[in-house]
Amino acid sequence: MVAVSYKGWLINGKVFDQTPASQTRTFPAGGLIPGWVEALSLMKEGDEWQLVIPSDLGYGPDGVGNGAIPGGQTLVFDMKLVSVTPASQ
């Protein structure tokens, strides 16, 4: 599991998702879009990166969220990896 804070927007500047200030969200690391999985595998706790994710490593040609993220979109994220918790054995 990873705890992250982030802001995501389309290349036109439209913000589609973000964590509230000073809060994080926790996700299973392998259950995310491929661009996040790749970045998170390289990040260390406390790292803050800006990711530019091409469509094929994001939501692909179909998009997601009833048009919130149209198909074929490049995504931009400011992301901070707050913590990593190993999966339970």
Protein backbone atom coordinates (compact mmCIF):
# COMPACT_ATOMS: atom_id res chain seq x y z
CA MET A 1 0.00 0.00 0.00
CA VAL A 2 1.16 3.52 -0.76
CA ALA A 3 0.02 6.76 0.83
CA VAL A 4 0.29 9.72 -1.53
CA SER A 5 -0.80 13.30 -1.85
CA TYR A 6 -1.35 14.50 -5.39
CA LYS A 7 -3.01 16.84 -7.85
CA GLY A 8 -3.89 15.64 -11.33
CA TRP A 9 -4.81 17.70 -14.36
CA LEU A 10 -5.19 17.46 -18.11
CA ILE A 11 -2.66 19.24 -20.31
CA ASN A 12 -5.28 21.96 -20.89
CA GLY A 13 -5.03 22.80 -17.16
CA LYS A 14 -8.34 21.26 -16.05
CA VAL A 15 -7.87 19.65 -12.61
CA PHE A 16 -9.69 16.31 -12.42
CA ASP A 17 -8.63 15.05 -8.98
CA GLN A 18 -6.56 16.02 -5.96
CA THR A 19 -6.10 15.21 -2.32
CA PRO A 20 -7.32 17.84 0.13
CA ALA A 21 -4.55 20.00 1.63
CA SER A 22 -2.39 18.14 4.18
CA GLN A 23 -4.20 14.84 3.51
CA THR A 24 -3.23 11.63 1.74
CA ARG A 25 -4.96 8.78 -0.03
CA THR A 26 -3.91 5.17 0.28
CA PHE A 27 -3.90 2.78 -2.67
CA PRO A 28 -2.67 -0.73 -3.44
CA ALA A 29 0.46 0.08 -5.47
CA GLY A 30 -0.20 -2.46 -8.23
CA GLY A 31 -3.82 -1.39 -8.80
CA LEU A 32 -3.07 2.02 -10.29
CA ILE A 33 -2.59 3.34 -13.81
CA PRO A 34 0.66 2.07 -15.35
CA GLY A 35 2.33 5.50 -15.22
CA TRP A 36 1.81 5.70 -11.46
CA VAL A 37 2.97 2.10 -10.92
CA GLU A 38 6.18 2.82 -12.83
CA ALA A 39 6.86 6.11 -11.01
CA LEU A 40 6.08 4.71 -7.57
CA SER A 41 8.48 1.82 -8.15
CA LEU A 42 11.27 4.40 -8.53
CA MET A 43 10.27 6.83 -5.79
CA LYS A 44 11.40 6.83 -2.17
CA GLU A 45 9.27 7.95 0.77
CA GLY A 46 9.23 11.74 0.89
CA ASP A 47 9.95 12.20 -2.84
CA GLU A 48 7.91 14.84 -4.66
CA TRP A 49 7.71 14.44 -8.43
CA GLN A 50 5.82 15.92 -11.31
CA LEU A 51 4.68 13.18 -13.65
CA VAL A 52 3.69 13.66 -17.29
CA ILE A 53 1.88 10.48 -18.25
CA PRO A 54 1.08 9.70 -21.90
CA SER A 55 -2.31 8.21 -22.67
CA ASP A 56 -0.98 4.66 -23.09
CA LEU A 57 0.32 4.74 -19.49
CA GLY A 58 -2.83 6.49 -18.22
CA TYR A 59 -6.44 5.76 -19.14
CA GLY A 60 -5.83 4.96 -22.82
CA PRO A 61 -8.19 5.58 -25.72
CA ASP A 62 -11.36 5.10 -23.65
CA GLY A 63 -10.72 7.60 -20.85
CA VAL A 64 -12.61 7.33 -17.57
CA GLY A 65 -15.30 8.95 -15.44
CA ASN A 66 -18.06 9.78 -17.94
CA GLY A 67 -15.84 12.21 -19.80
CA ALA A 68 -13.97 13.63 -16.79
CA ILE A 69 -10.83 12.27 -18.45
CA PRO A 70 -11.47 11.89 -22.18
CA GLY A 71 -9.73 9.17 -24.17
CA GLY A 72 -6.24 9.77 -25.47
CA GLN A 73 -5.33 12.35 -22.82
CA THR A 74 -1.86 13.11 -21.50
CA LEU A 75 -2.08 13.50 -17.71
CA VAL A 76 0.03 15.63 -15.39
CA PHE A 77 0.39 14.94 -11.67
CA ASP A 78 2.21 16.61 -8.82
CA MET A 79 2.74 13.68 -6.47
CA LYS A 80 4.36 13.14 -3.09
CA LEU A 81 5.00 9.60 -1.86
CA VAL A 82 4.30 9.85 1.85
CA SER A 83 4.69 6.21 2.91
CA VAL A 84 4.91 2.63 1.72
CA THR A 85 3.41 -0.22 3.73
CA PRO A 86 4.37 -3.76 2.67
CA ALA A 87 1.51 -6.07 1.82
CA SER A 88 0.48 -8.47 4.58
CA GLN A 89 1.92 -11.94 4.21
